Amino acid sequence: MKKIEKKTYSDEFKLSVVKDYYTNQLGIRTTAQKFGLPSKNYIENWEKYLKKKGLLPQDAVKPTKAAGRSPEKVIRDDNRTEREKQYEAEIETLKARVAYYEGLASLQPYIKKNKGSGK
């Protein structure tokens, strides 16, 4: 049976990998693959190790990526005519009414009917 040799990495290499992980847009798994590491756990463990040893600041973290553009950042020219804007507003109103009436219809089985009310 062939003995598997455990590879050792220098602190400089570990630090360069963690710093690269912090600065690139790649995820932790892709960064591990980039450096030929068998698992993302290496980077996670090295991060803790380097902080403990004082080679990396305790508050060092990878900046989080934005989840996408916020609606405020998306600015579009409004090329619609007044009639199109009016129709779109009317459609939104009608959609709201339909949703309201569908909600009422779903409550119908729970509404008691007054058979003999003489009002």
PDB file of N, CA and C in Angstrom:
ATOM      1  N   MET A   1       0.852  -1.184   0.000  1.00  0.00           N
ATOM      2  CA  MET A   1       0.000   0.000   0.000  1.00  0.00           C
ATOM      3  C   MET A   1       0.891   1.239   0.000  1.00  0.00           C
ATOM      4  N   LYS A   2       0.556   2.188  -0.863  1.00  0.00           N
ATOM      5  CA  LYS A   2       1.358   3.399  -0.998  1.00  0.00           C
ATOM      6  C   LYS A   2       1.001   4.395   0.106  1.00  0.00           C
ATOM      7  N   LYS A   3       2.018   4.928   0.744  1.00  0.00           N
ATOM      8  CA  LYS A   3       1.798   5.896   1.819  1.00  0.00           C
ATOM      9  C   LYS A   3       1.580   7.277   1.215  1.00  0.00           C
ATOM     10  N   ILE A   4       0.525   7.949   1.674  1.00  0.00           N
ATOM     11  CA  ILE A   4       0.217   9.292   1.193  1.00  0.00           C
ATOM     12  C   ILE A   4       1.028  10.289   1.998  1.00  0.00           C
ATOM     13  N   GLU A   5       1.801  11.094   1.264  1.00  0.00           N
ATOM     14  CA  GLU A   5       2.639  12.082   1.926  1.00  0.00           C
ATOM     15  C   GLU A   5       1.830  13.352   2.170  1.00  0.00           C
ATOM     16  N   LYS A   6       1.853  13.821   3.406  1.00  0.00           N
ATOM     17  CA  LYS A   6       1.123  15.038   3.751  1.00  0.00           C
ATOM     18  C   LYS A   6       1.971  16.241   3.363  1.00  0.00           C
ATOM     19  N   LYS A   7       1.384  17.113   2.580  1.00  0.00           N
ATOM     20  CA  LYS A   7       2.090  18.293   2.105  1.00  0.00           C
ATOM     21  C   LYS A   7       2.032  19.376   3.174  1.00  0.00           C
ATOM     22  N   THR A   8       3.152  20.060   3.362  1.00  0.00           N
ATOM     23  CA  THR A   8       3.182  21.180   4.306  1.00  0.00           C
ATOM     24  C   THR A   8       3.340  22.470   3.515  1.00  0.00           C
ATOM     25  N   TYR A   9       2.731  23.519   4.040  1.00  0.00           N
ATOM     26  CA  TYR A   9       2.741  24.816   3.379  1.00  0.00           C
ATOM     27  C   TYR A   9       3.379  25.844   4.315  1.00  0.00           C
ATOM     28  N   SER A  10       4.144  26.755   3.740  1.00  0.00           N
ATOM     29  CA  SER A  10       4.801  27.789   4.552  1.00  0.00           C
ATOM     30  C   SER A  10       3.775  28.833   4.977  1.00  0.00           C
ATOM     31  N   ASP A  11       4.116  29.560   6.039  1.00  0.00           N
ATOM     32  CA  ASP A  11       3.234  30.631   6.496  1.00  0.00           C
ATOM     33  C   ASP A  11       3.083  31.705   5.424  1.00  0.00           C
ATOM     34  N   GLU A  12       4.151  31.950   4.669  1.00  0.00           N
ATOM     35  CA  GLU A  12       4.083  32.945   3.602  1.00  0.00           C
ATOM     36  C   GLU A  12       3.069  32.534   2.534  1.00  0.00           C
ATOM     37  N   PHE A  13       3.094  31.240   2.184  1.00  0.00           N
ATOM     38  CA  PHE A  13       2.150  30.746   1.186  1.00  0.00           C
ATOM     39  C   PHE A  13       0.719  30.850   1.712  1.00  0.00           C
ATOM     40  N   LYS A  14       0.532  30.441   2.962  1.00  0.00           N
ATOM     41  CA  LYS A  14      -0.807  30.506   3.570  1.00  0.00           C
ATOM     42  C   LYS A  14      -1.318  31.940   3.561  1.00  0.00           C
ATOM     43  N   LEU A  15      -0.445  32.876   3.950  1.00  0.00           N
ATOM     44  CA  LEU A  15      -0.824  34.281   3.993  1.00  0.00           C
ATOM     45  C   LEU A  15      -1.160  34.804   2.594  1.00  0.00           C
ATOM     46  N   SER A  16      -0.389  34.400   1.602  1.00  0.00           N
ATOM     47  CA  SER A  16      -0.665  34.867   0.234  1.00  0.00           C
ATOM     48  C   SER A  16      -1.989  34.299  -0.272  1.00  0.00           C
ATOM     49  N   VAL A  17      -2.307  33.070   0.073  1.00  0.00           N
ATOM     50  CA  VAL A  17      -3.581  32.469  -0.343  1.00  0.00           C
ATOM     51  C   VAL A  17      -4.750  33.192   0.318  1.00  0.00           C
ATOM     52  N   VAL A  18      -4.661  33.432   1.607  1.00  0.00           N
ATOM     53  CA  VAL A  18      -5.752  34.105   2.334  1.00  0.00           C
ATOM     54  C   VAL A  18      -5.921  35.534   1.836  1.00  0.00           C
ATOM     55  N   LYS A  19      -4.811  36.233   1.616  1.00  0.00           N
ATOM     56  CA  LYS A  19      -4.911  37.605   1.096  1.00  0.00           C
ATOM     57  C   LYS A  19      -5.510  37.621  -0.306  1.00  0.00           C
ATOM     58  N   ASP A  20      -5.130  36.642  -1.127  1.00  0.00           N
ATOM     59  CA  ASP A  20      -5.712  36.550  -2.464  1.00  0.00           C
ATOM     60  C   ASP A  20      -7.213  36.288  -2.365  1.00  0.00           C
ATOM     61  N   TYR A  21      -7.602  35.429  -1.460  1.00  0.00           N
ATOM     62  CA  TYR A  21      -9.026  35.134  -1.237  1.00  0.00           C
ATOM     63  C   TYR A  21      -9.781  36.407  -0.838  1.00  0.00           C
ATOM     64  N   TYR A  22      -9.175  37.224   0.013  1.00  0.00           N
ATOM     65  CA  TYR A  22      -9.813  38.460   0.454  1.00  0.00           C
ATOM     66  C   TYR A  22      -9.974  39.473  -0.677  1.00  0.00           C
ATOM     67  N   THR A  23      -9.025  39.502  -1.584  1.00  0.00           N
ATOM     68  CA  THR A  23      -9.022  40.560  -2.602  1.00  0.00           C
ATOM     69  C   THR A  23      -9.668  40.169  -3.923  1.00  0.00           C
ATOM     70  N   ASN A  24      -9.800  38.873  -4.213  1.00  0.00           N
ATOM     71  CA  ASN A  24     -10.387  38.506  -5.502  1.00  0.00           C
ATOM     72  C   ASN A  24     -11.903  38.365  -5.399  1.00  0.00           C
ATOM     73  N   GLN A  25     -12.540  38.261  -6.535  1.00  0.00           N
ATOM     74  CA  GLN A  25     -13.993  38.124  -6.580  1.00  0.00           C
ATOM     75  C   GLN A  25     -14.428  36.661  -6.524  1.00  0.00           C
ATOM     76  N   LEU A  26     -13.467  35.755  -6.412  1.00  0.00           N
ATOM     77  CA  LEU A  26     -13.772  34.325  -6.407  1.00  0.00           C
ATOM     78  C   LEU A  26     -14.256  33.885  -5.032  1.00  0.00           C
ATOM     79  N   GLY A  27     -15.007  32.814  -5.016  1.00  0.00           N
ATOM     80  CA  GLY A  27     -15.436  32.224  -3.759  1.00  0.00           C
ATOM     81  C   GLY A  27     -14.307  31.401  -3.157  1.00  0.00           C
ATOM     82  N   ILE A  28     -14.563  30.880  -1.972  1.00  0.00           N
ATOM     83  CA  ILE A  28     -13.516  30.151  -1.253  1.00  0.00           C
ATOM     84  C   ILE A  28     -13.159  28.836  -1.945  1.00  0.00           C
ATOM     85  N   ARG A  29     -14.150  28.153  -2.501  1.00  0.00           N
ATOM     86  CA  ARG A  29     -13.861  26.890  -3.191  1.00  0.00           C
ATOM     87  C   ARG A  29     -13.021  27.120  -4.450  1.00  0.00           C
ATOM     88  N   THR A  30     -13.383  28.136  -5.203  1.00  0.00           N
ATOM     89  CA  THR A  30     -12.653  28.438  -6.434  1.00  0.00           C
ATOM     90  C   THR A  30     -11.232  28.892  -6.125  1.00  0.00           C
ATOM     91  N   THR A  31     -11.061  29.643  -5.052  1.00  0.00           N
ATOM     92  CA  THR A  31      -9.714  30.070  -4.653  1.00  0.00           C
ATOM     93  C   THR A  31      -8.886  28.850  -4.260  1.00  0.00           C
ATOM     94  N   ALA A  32      -9.499  27.911  -3.549  1.00  0.00           N
ATOM     95  CA  ALA A  32      -8.781  26.685  -3.173  1.00  0.00           C
ATOM     96  C   ALA A  32      -8.346  25.924  -4.421  1.00  0.00           C
ATOM     97  N   GLN A  33      -9.225  25.832  -5.402  1.00  0.00           N
ATOM     98  CA  GLN A  33      -8.881  25.150  -6.659  1.00  0.00           C
ATOM     99  C   GLN A  33      -7.764  25.894  -7.388  1.00  0.00           C
ATOM    100  N   LYS A  34      -7.828  27.211  -7.366  1.00  0.00           N
ATOM    101  CA  LYS A  34      -6.824  28.050  -8.039  1.00  0.00           C
ATOM    102  C   LYS A  34      -5.416  27.738  -7.530  1.00  0.00           C
ATOM    103  N   PHE A  35      -5.300  27.484  -6.218  1.00  0.00           N
ATOM    104  CA  PHE A  35      -3.995  27.213  -5.613  1.00  0.00           C
ATOM    105  C   PHE A  35      -3.712  25.712  -5.473  1.00  0.00           C
ATOM    106  N   GLY A  36      -4.585  24.882  -6.025  1.00  0.00           N
ATOM    107  CA  GLY A  36      -4.358  23.439  -5.991  1.00  0.00           C
ATOM    108  C   GLY A  36      -4.564  22.813  -4.625  1.00  0.00           C
ATOM    109  N   LEU A  37      -5.402  23.426  -3.815  1.00  0.00           N
ATOM    110  CA  LEU A  37      -5.671  22.888  -2.478  1.00  0.00           C
ATOM    111  C   LEU A  37      -6.787  21.846  -2.562  1.00  0.00           C
ATOM    112  N   PRO A  38      -6.704  20.794  -1.751  1.00  0.00           N
ATOM    113  CA  PRO A  38      -7.718  19.743  -1.819  1.00  0.00           C
ATOM    114  C   PRO A  38      -9.106  20.158  -1.331  1.00  0.00           C
ATOM    115  N   SER A  39      -9.174  21.232  -0.514  1.00  0.00           N
ATOM    116  CA  SER A  39     -10.451  21.594   0.092  1.00  0.00           C
ATOM    117  C   SER A  39     -10.452  23.064   0.482  1.00  0.00           C
ATOM    118  N   LYS A  40     -11.654  23.633   0.552  1.00  0.00           N
ATOM    119  CA  LYS A  40     -11.809  25.009   1.032  1.00  0.00           C
ATOM    120  C   LYS A  40     -11.456  25.124   2.505  1.00  0.00           C
ATOM    121  N   ASN A  41     -11.505  24.005   3.211  1.00  0.00           N
ATOM    122  CA  ASN A  41     -11.217  24.012   4.647  1.00  0.00           C
ATOM    123  C   ASN A  41      -9.799  24.489   4.942  1.00  0.00           C
ATOM    124  N   TYR A  42      -8.886  24.256   3.991  1.00  0.00           N
ATOM    125  CA  TYR A  42      -7.523  24.735   4.182  1.00  0.00           C
ATOM    126  C   TYR A  42      -7.520  26.243   4.391  1.00  0.00           C
ATOM    127  N   ILE A  43      -8.217  26.961   3.522  1.00  0.00           N
ATOM    128  CA  ILE A  43      -8.236  28.426   3.613  1.00  0.00           C
ATOM    129  C   ILE A  43      -8.898  28.866   4.912  1.00  0.00           C
ATOM    130  N   GLU A  44     -10.015  28.232   5.278  1.00  0.00           N
ATOM    131  CA  GLU A  44     -10.703  28.589   6.527  1.00  0.00           C
ATOM    132  C   GLU A  44      -9.792  28.351   7.733  1.00  0.00           C
ATOM    133  N   ASN A  45      -9.112  27.211   7.755  1.00  0.00           N
ATOM    134  CA  ASN A  45      -8.222  26.897   8.877  1.00  0.00           C
ATOM    135  C   ASN A  45      -7.006  27.812   8.897  1.00  0.00           C
ATOM    136  N   TRP A  46      -6.448  28.105   7.736  1.00  0.00           N
ATOM    137  CA  TRP A  46      -5.296  28.995   7.664  1.00  0.00           C
ATOM    138  C   TRP A  46      -5.665  30.390   8.129  1.00  0.00           C
ATOM    139  N   GLU A  47      -6.845  30.823   7.803  1.00  0.00           N
ATOM    140  CA  GLU A  47      -7.307  32.145   8.234  1.00  0.00           C
ATOM    141  C   GLU A  47      -7.294  32.229   9.763  1.00  0.00           C
ATOM    142  N   LYS A  48      -7.855  31.217  10.417  1.00  0.00           N
ATOM    143  CA  LYS A  48      -7.866  31.182  11.891  1.00  0.00           C
ATOM    144  C   LYS A  48      -6.436  31.113  12.441  1.00  0.00           C
ATOM    145  N   TYR A  49      -5.628  30.260  11.819  1.00  0.00           N
ATOM    146  CA  TYR A  49      -4.240  30.070  12.257  1.00  0.00           C
ATOM    147  C   TYR A  49      -3.454  31.374  12.154  1.00  0.00           C
ATOM    148  N   LEU A  50      -3.571  32.054  11.022  1.00  0.00           N
ATOM    149  CA  LEU A  50      -2.812  33.291  10.811  1.00  0.00           C
ATOM    150  C   LEU A  50      -3.263  34.406  11.748  1.00  0.00           C
ATOM    151  N   LYS A  51      -4.535  34.455  12.066  1.00  0.00           N
ATOM    152  CA  LYS A  51      -5.034  35.444  13.030  1.00  0.00           C
ATOM    153  C   LYS A  51      -4.478  35.140  14.419  1.00  0.00           C
ATOM    154  N   LYS A  52      -4.481  33.853  14.777  1.00  0.00           N
ATOM    155  CA  LYS A  52      -3.993  33.432  16.088  1.00  0.00           C
ATOM    156  C   LYS A  52      -2.493  33.726  16.235  1.00  0.00           C
ATOM    157  N   LYS A  53      -1.757  33.549  15.137  1.00  0.00           N
ATOM    158  CA  LYS A  53      -0.319  33.765  15.151  1.00  0.00           C
ATOM    159  C   LYS A  53       0.047  35.243  15.026  1.00  0.00           C
ATOM    160  N   GLY A  54      -0.931  36.093  14.697  1.00  0.00           N
ATOM    161  CA  GLY A  54      -0.688  37.524  14.596  1.00  0.00           C
ATOM    162  C   GLY A  54      -0.220  37.982  13.225  1.00  0.00           C
ATOM    163  N   LEU A  55      -0.256  37.096  12.238  1.00  0.00           N
ATOM    164  CA  LEU A  55       0.163  37.459  10.886  1.00  0.00           C
ATOM    165  C   LEU A  55      -0.968  38.095  10.088  1.00  0.00           C
ATOM    166  N   LEU A  56      -2.158  37.995  10.624  1.00  0.00           N
ATOM    167  CA  LEU A  56      -3.346  38.557   9.991  1.00  0.00           C
ATOM    168  C   LEU A  56      -4.142  39.273  11.078  1.00  0.00           C
ATOM    169  N   PRO A  57      -4.623  40.485  10.814  1.00  0.00           N
ATOM    170  CA  PRO A  57      -5.401  41.196  11.840  1.00  0.00           C
ATOM    171  C   PRO A  57      -6.622  40.378  12.286  1.00  0.00           C
ATOM    172  N   GLN A  58      -6.970  40.497  13.551  1.00  0.00           N
ATOM    173  CA  GLN A  58      -8.097  39.740  14.097  1.00  0.00           C
ATOM    174  C   GLN A  58      -9.421  40.060  13.407  1.00  0.00           C
ATOM    175  N   ASP A  59      -9.558  41.306  12.948  1.00  0.00           N
ATOM    176  CA  ASP A  59     -10.823  41.711  12.331  1.00  0.00           C
ATOM    177  C   ASP A  59     -10.816  41.562  10.806  1.00  0.00           C
ATOM    178  N   ALA A  60      -9.791  40.899  10.260  1.00  0.00           N
ATOM    179  CA  ALA A  60      -9.703  40.727   8.808  1.00  0.00           C
ATOM    180  C   ALA A  60     -10.777  39.753   8.328  1.00  0.00           C
ATOM    181  N   VAL A  61     -11.527  40.174   7.332  1.00  0.00           N
ATOM    182  CA  VAL A  61     -12.549  39.333   6.714  1.00  0.00           C
ATOM    183  C   VAL A  61     -12.616  39.652   5.233  1.00  0.00           C
ATOM    184  N   LYS A  62     -13.166  38.730   4.482  1.00  0.00           N
ATOM    185  CA  LYS A  62     -13.387  38.982   3.059  1.00  0.00           C
ATOM    186  C   LYS A  62     -14.570  39.923   2.932  1.00  0.00           C
ATOM    187  N   PRO A  63     -14.423  40.997   2.163  1.00  0.00           N
ATOM    188  CA  PRO A  63     -15.562  41.901   1.975  1.00  0.00           C
ATOM    189  C   PRO A  63     -16.722  41.150   1.322  1.00  0.00           C
ATOM    190  N   THR A  64     -17.915  41.414   1.795  1.00  0.00           N
ATOM    191  CA  THR A  64     -19.080  40.739   1.226  1.00  0.00           C
ATOM    192  C   THR A  64     -19.439  41.368  -0.101  1.00  0.00           C
ATOM    193  N   LYS A  65     -19.912  40.511  -1.005  1.00  0.00           N
ATOM    194  CA  LYS A  65     -20.327  40.998  -2.312  1.00  0.00           C
ATOM    195  C   LYS A  65     -21.738  41.539  -2.198  1.00  0.00           C
ATOM    196  N   ALA A  66     -22.023  42.532  -3.003  1.00  0.00           N
ATOM    197  CA  ALA A  66     -23.392  43.053  -3.056  1.00  0.00           C
ATOM    198  C   ALA A  66     -24.270  41.994  -3.707  1.00  0.00           C
ATOM    199  N   ALA A  67     -25.498  41.903  -3.268  1.00  0.00           N
ATOM    200  CA  ALA A  67     -26.422  40.908  -3.794  1.00  0.00           C
ATOM    201  C   ALA A  67     -26.981  41.305  -5.147  1.00  0.00           C
ATOM    202  N   GLY A  68     -26.527  42.367  -5.682  1.00  0.00           N
ATOM    203  CA  GLY A  68     -27.035  42.854  -6.959  1.00  0.00           C
ATOM    204  C   GLY A  68     -27.256  44.348  -6.853  1.00  0.00           C
ATOM    205  N   ARG A  69     -27.672  44.908  -7.915  1.00  0.00           N
ATOM    206  CA  ARG A  69     -27.914  46.347  -7.890  1.00  0.00           C
ATOM    207  C   ARG A  69     -29.206  46.637  -7.160  1.00  0.00           C
ATOM    208  N   SER A  70     -29.174  47.671  -6.360  1.00  0.00           N
ATOM    209  CA  SER A  70     -30.404  48.064  -5.677  1.00  0.00           C
ATOM    210  C   SER A  70     -31.288  48.800  -6.666  1.00  0.00           C
ATOM    211  N   PRO A  71     -32.594  48.785  -6.451  1.00  0.00           N
ATOM    212  CA  PRO A  71     -33.500  49.458  -7.378  1.00  0.00           C
ATOM    213  C   PRO A  71     -33.191  50.944  -7.539  1.00  0.00           C
ATOM    214  N   GLU A  72     -32.640  51.571  -6.505  1.00  0.00           N
ATOM    215  CA  GLU A  72     -32.336  52.995  -6.588  1.00  0.00           C
ATOM    216  C   GLU A  72     -31.228  53.265  -7.599  1.00  0.00           C
ATOM    217  N   LYS A  73     -30.330  52.302  -7.784  1.00  0.00           N
ATOM    218  CA  LYS A  73     -29.205  52.511  -8.686  1.00  0.00           C
ATOM    219  C   LYS A  73     -29.588  52.317 -10.146  1.00  0.00           C
ATOM    220  N   VAL A  74     -30.704  51.665 -10.391  1.00  0.00           N
ATOM    221  CA  VAL A  74     -31.127  51.431 -11.764  1.00  0.00           C
ATOM    222  C   VAL A  74     -32.014  52.594 -12.186  1.00  0.00           C
ATOM    223  N   ILE A  75     -31.486  53.393 -13.080  1.00  0.00           N
ATOM    224  CA  ILE A  75     -32.231  54.564 -13.549  1.00  0.00           C
ATOM    225  C   ILE A  75     -32.504  54.356 -15.037  1.00  0.00           C
ATOM    226  N   ARG A  76     -33.763  54.441 -15.402  1.00  0.00           N
ATOM    227  CA  ARG A  76     -34.141  54.243 -16.792  1.00  0.00           C
ATOM    228  C   ARG A  76     -34.879  55.475 -17.283  1.00  0.00           C
ATOM    229  N   ASP A  77     -34.722  55.741 -18.569  1.00  0.00           N
ATOM    230  CA  ASP A  77     -35.495  56.813 -19.178  1.00  0.00           C
ATOM    231  C   ASP A  77     -36.929  56.341 -19.328  1.00  0.00           C
ATOM    232  N   ASP A  78     -37.856  57.211 -18.995  1.00  0.00           N
ATOM    233  CA  ASP A  78     -39.268  56.874 -19.117  1.00  0.00           C
ATOM    234  C   ASP A  78     -39.773  57.425 -20.449  1.00  0.00           C
ATOM    235  N   ASN A  79     -39.857  56.540 -21.418  1.00  0.00           N
ATOM    236  CA  ASN A  79     -40.267  56.937 -22.760  1.00  0.00           C
ATOM    237  C   ASN A  79     -41.750  56.668 -23.022  1.00  0.00           C
ATOM    238  N   ARG A  80     -42.486  56.357 -21.979  1.00  0.00           N
ATOM    239  CA  ARG A  80     -43.903  56.042 -22.168  1.00  0.00           C
ATOM    240  C   ARG A  80     -44.713  57.320 -22.385  1.00  0.00           C
ATOM    241  N   THR A  81     -45.770  57.172 -23.179  1.00  0.00           N
ATOM    242  CA  THR A  81     -46.668  58.308 -23.381  1.00  0.00           C
ATOM    243  C   THR A  81     -47.569  58.435 -22.166  1.00  0.00           C
ATOM    244  N   GLU A  82     -48.252  59.553 -22.068  1.00  0.00           N
ATOM    245  CA  GLU A  82     -49.186  59.767 -20.951  1.00  0.00           C
ATOM    246  C   GLU A  82     -50.277  58.701 -20.965  1.00  0.00           C
ATOM    247  N   ARG A  83     -50.747  58.341 -22.134  1.00  0.00           N
ATOM    248  CA  ARG A  83     -51.796  57.320 -22.245  1.00  0.00           C
ATOM    249  C   ARG A  83     -51.280  55.968 -21.751  1.00  0.00           C
ATOM    250  N   GLU A  84     -50.035  55.612 -22.089  1.00  0.00           N
ATOM    251  CA  GLU A  84     -49.460  54.352 -21.625  1.00  0.00           C
ATOM    252  C   GLU A  84     -49.332  54.353 -20.101  1.00  0.00           C
ATOM    253  N   LYS A  85     -48.894  55.470 -19.540  1.00  0.00           N
ATOM    254  CA  LYS A  85     -48.789  55.578 -18.078  1.00  0.00           C
ATOM    255  C   LYS A  85     -50.152  55.429 -17.430  1.00  0.00           C
ATOM    256  N   GLN A  86     -51.167  56.042 -18.031  1.00  0.00           N
ATOM    257  CA  GLN A  86     -52.527  55.960 -17.508  1.00  0.00           C
ATOM    258  C   GLN A  86     -53.021  54.516 -17.562  1.00  0.00           C
ATOM    259  N   TYR A  87     -52.787  53.834 -18.690  1.00  0.00           N
ATOM    260  CA  TYR A  87     -53.215  52.441 -18.819  1.00  0.00           C
ATOM    261  C   TYR A  87     -52.498  51.534 -17.808  1.00  0.00           C
ATOM    262  N   GLU A  88     -51.210  51.770 -17.619  1.00  0.00           N
ATOM    263  CA  GLU A  88     -50.466  50.948 -16.656  1.00  0.00           C
ATOM    264  C   GLU A  88     -50.974  51.156 -15.234  1.00  0.00           C
ATOM    265  N   ALA A  89     -51.309  52.390 -14.890  1.00  0.00           N
ATOM    266  CA  ALA A  89     -51.871  52.661 -13.564  1.00  0.00           C
ATOM    267  C   ALA A  89     -53.230  51.971 -13.419  1.00  0.00           C
ATOM    268  N   GLU A  90     -54.013  52.020 -14.464  1.00  0.00           N
ATOM    269  CA  GLU A  90     -55.331  51.383 -14.443  1.00  0.00           C
ATOM    270  C   GLU A  90     -55.190  49.862 -14.325  1.00  0.00           C
ATOM    271  N   ILE A  91     -54.236  49.296 -15.026  1.00  0.00           N
ATOM    272  CA  ILE A  91     -53.991  47.850 -14.942  1.00  0.00           C
ATOM    273  C   ILE A  91     -53.610  47.460 -13.525  1.00  0.00           C
ATOM    274  N   GLU A  92     -52.740  48.241 -12.885  1.00  0.00           N
ATOM    275  CA  GLU A  92     -52.332  47.953 -11.507  1.00  0.00           C
ATOM    276  C   GLU A  92     -53.528  48.009 -10.560  1.00  0.00           C
ATOM    277  N   THR A  93     -54.410  48.988 -10.772  1.00  0.00           N
ATOM    278  CA  THR A  93     -55.620  49.103  -9.952  1.00  0.00           C
ATOM    279  C   THR A  93     -56.510  47.887 -10.149  1.00  0.00           C
ATOM    280  N   LEU A  94     -56.685  47.477 -11.389  1.00  0.00           N
ATOM    281  CA  LEU A  94     -57.526  46.317 -11.676  1.00  0.00           C
ATOM    282  C   LEU A  94     -56.927  45.030 -11.118  1.00  0.00           C
ATOM    283  N   LYS A  95     -55.623  44.899 -11.187  1.00  0.00           N
ATOM    284  CA  LYS A  95     -54.955  43.724 -10.597  1.00  0.00           C
ATOM    285  C   LYS A  95     -55.218  43.666  -9.093  1.00  0.00           C
ATOM    286  N   ALA A  96     -55.146  44.820  -8.444  1.00  0.00           N
ATOM    287  CA  ALA A  96     -55.395  44.871  -6.999  1.00  0.00           C
ATOM    288  C   ALA A  96     -56.833  44.484  -6.690  1.00  0.00           C
ATOM    289  N   ARG A  97     -57.780  44.960  -7.495  1.00  0.00           N
ATOM    290  CA  ARG A  97     -59.192  44.603  -7.290  1.00  0.00           C
ATOM    291  C   ARG A  97     -59.418  43.113  -7.470  1.00  0.00           C
ATOM    292  N   VAL A  98     -58.835  42.531  -8.521  1.00  0.00           N
ATOM    293  CA  VAL A  98     -58.980  41.095  -8.771  1.00  0.00           C
ATOM    294  C   VAL A  98     -58.432  40.301  -7.596  1.00  0.00           C
ATOM    295  N   ALA A  99     -57.254  40.696  -7.109  1.00  0.00           N
ATOM    296  CA  ALA A  99     -56.661  39.998  -5.968  1.00  0.00           C
ATOM    297  C   ALA A  99     -57.560  40.102  -4.742  1.00  0.00           C
ATOM    298  N   TYR A 100     -58.176  41.257  -4.535  1.00  0.00           N
ATOM    299  CA  TYR A 100     -59.081  41.458  -3.406  1.00  0.00           C
ATOM    300  C   TYR A 100     -60.303  40.544  -3.532  1.00  0.00           C
ATOM    301  N   TYR A 101     -60.916  40.525  -4.721  1.00  0.00           N
ATOM    302  CA  TYR A 101     -62.112  39.699  -4.920  1.00  0.00           C
ATOM    303  C   TYR A 101     -61.795  38.214  -4.855  1.00  0.00           C
ATOM    304  N   GLU A 102     -60.626  37.824  -5.337  1.00  0.00           N
ATOM    305  CA  GLU A 102     -60.230  36.420  -5.216  1.00  0.00           C
ATOM    306  C   GLU A 102     -60.042  36.045  -3.754  1.00  0.00           C
ATOM    307  N   GLY A 103     -59.521  36.970  -2.973  1.00  0.00           N
ATOM    308  CA  GLY A 103     -59.381  36.731  -1.537  1.00  0.00           C
ATOM    309  C   GLY A 103     -60.727  36.570  -0.867  1.00  0.00           C
ATOM    310  N   LEU A 104     -61.696  37.395  -1.268  1.00  0.00           N
ATOM    311  CA  LEU A 104     -63.045  37.272  -0.722  1.00  0.00           C
ATOM    312  C   LEU A 104     -63.671  35.941  -1.113  1.00  0.00           C
ATOM    313  N   ALA A 105     -63.449  35.537  -2.357  1.00  0.00           N
ATOM    314  CA  ALA A 105     -64.022  34.276  -2.831  1.00  0.00           C
ATOM    315  C   ALA A 105     -63.465  33.092  -2.047  1.00  0.00           C
ATOM    316  N   SER A 106     -62.214  33.158  -1.664  1.00  0.00           N
ATOM    317  CA  SER A 106     -61.632  32.050  -0.907  1.00  0.00           C
ATOM    318  C   SER A 106     -62.186  31.987   0.513  1.00  0.00           C
ATOM    319  N   LEU A 107     -62.764  33.104   1.000  1.00  0.00           N
ATOM    320  CA  LEU A 107     -63.360  33.130   2.338  1.00  0.00           C
ATOM    321  C   LEU A 107     -64.829  32.702   2.327  1.00  0.00           C
ATOM    322  N   GLN A 108     -65.418  32.578   1.160  1.00  0.00           N
ATOM    323  CA  GLN A 108     -66.840  32.276   1.016  1.00  0.00           C
ATOM    324  C   GLN A 108     -67.308  31.075   1.846  1.00  0.00           C
ATOM    325  N   PRO A 109     -66.578  29.956   1.880  1.00  0.00           N
ATOM    326  CA  PRO A 109     -67.034  28.808   2.671  1.00  0.00           C
ATOM    327  C   PRO A 109     -67.140  29.097   4.170  1.00  0.00           C
ATOM    328  N   TYR A 110     -66.463  30.125   4.642  1.00  0.00           N
ATOM    329  CA  TYR A 110     -66.463  30.429   6.064  1.00  0.00           C
ATOM    330  C   TYR A 110     -67.506  31.474   6.477  1.00  0.00           C
ATOM    331  N   ILE A 111     -68.190  32.022   5.512  1.00  0.00           N
ATOM    332  CA  ILE A 111     -69.178  33.063   5.804  1.00  0.00           C
ATOM    333  C   ILE A 111     -70.527  32.407   6.039  1.00  0.00           C
ATOM    334  N   LYS A 112     -71.158  32.733   7.182  1.00  0.00           N
ATOM    335  CA  LYS A 112     -72.479  32.186   7.491  1.00  0.00           C
ATOM    336  C   LYS A 112     -73.526  32.983   6.737  1.00  0.00           C
ATOM    337  N   LYS A 113     -74.472  32.286   6.180  1.00  0.00           N
ATOM    338  CA  LYS A 113     -75.544  32.970   5.447  1.00  0.00           C
ATOM    339  C   LYS A 113     -76.746  33.071   6.383  1.00  0.00           C
ATOM    340  N   ASN A 114     -77.364  34.254   6.397  1.00  0.00           N
ATOM    341  CA  ASN A 114     -78.571  34.468   7.168  1.00  0.00           C
ATOM    342  C   ASN A 114     -79.782  34.128   6.288  1.00  0.00           C
ATOM    343  N   LYS A 115     -80.408  32.985   6.559  1.00  0.00           N
ATOM    344  CA  LYS A 115     -81.528  32.552   5.727  1.00  0.00           C
ATOM    345  C   LYS A 115     -82.791  33.325   6.039  1.00  0.00           C
ATOM    346  N   GLY A 116     -83.049  33.542   7.283  1.00  0.00           N
ATOM    347  CA  GLY A 116     -84.328  34.128   7.643  1.00  0.00           C
ATOM    348  C   GLY A 116     -84.251  35.547   8.132  1.00  0.00           C
ATOM    349  N   SER A 117     -83.280  36.290   7.742  1.00  0.00           N
ATOM    350  CA  SER A 117     -83.213  37.665   8.250  1.00  0.00           C
ATOM    351  C   SER A 117     -84.200  38.506   7.483  1.00  0.00           C
ATOM    352  N   GLY A 118     -84.999  39.193   8.182  1.00  0.00           N
ATOM    353  CA  GLY A 118     -86.051  39.964   7.571  1.00  0.00           C
ATOM    354  C   GLY A 118     -85.720  41.420   7.417  1.00  0.00           C
ATOM    355  N   LYS A 119     -84.532  41.757   7.203  1.00  0.00           N
ATOM    356  CA  LYS A 119     -84.135  43.151   7.075  1.00  0.00           C
ATOM    357  C   LYS A 119     -84.297  43.678   5.721  1.00  0.00           C
TER     358      LYS A 119
END
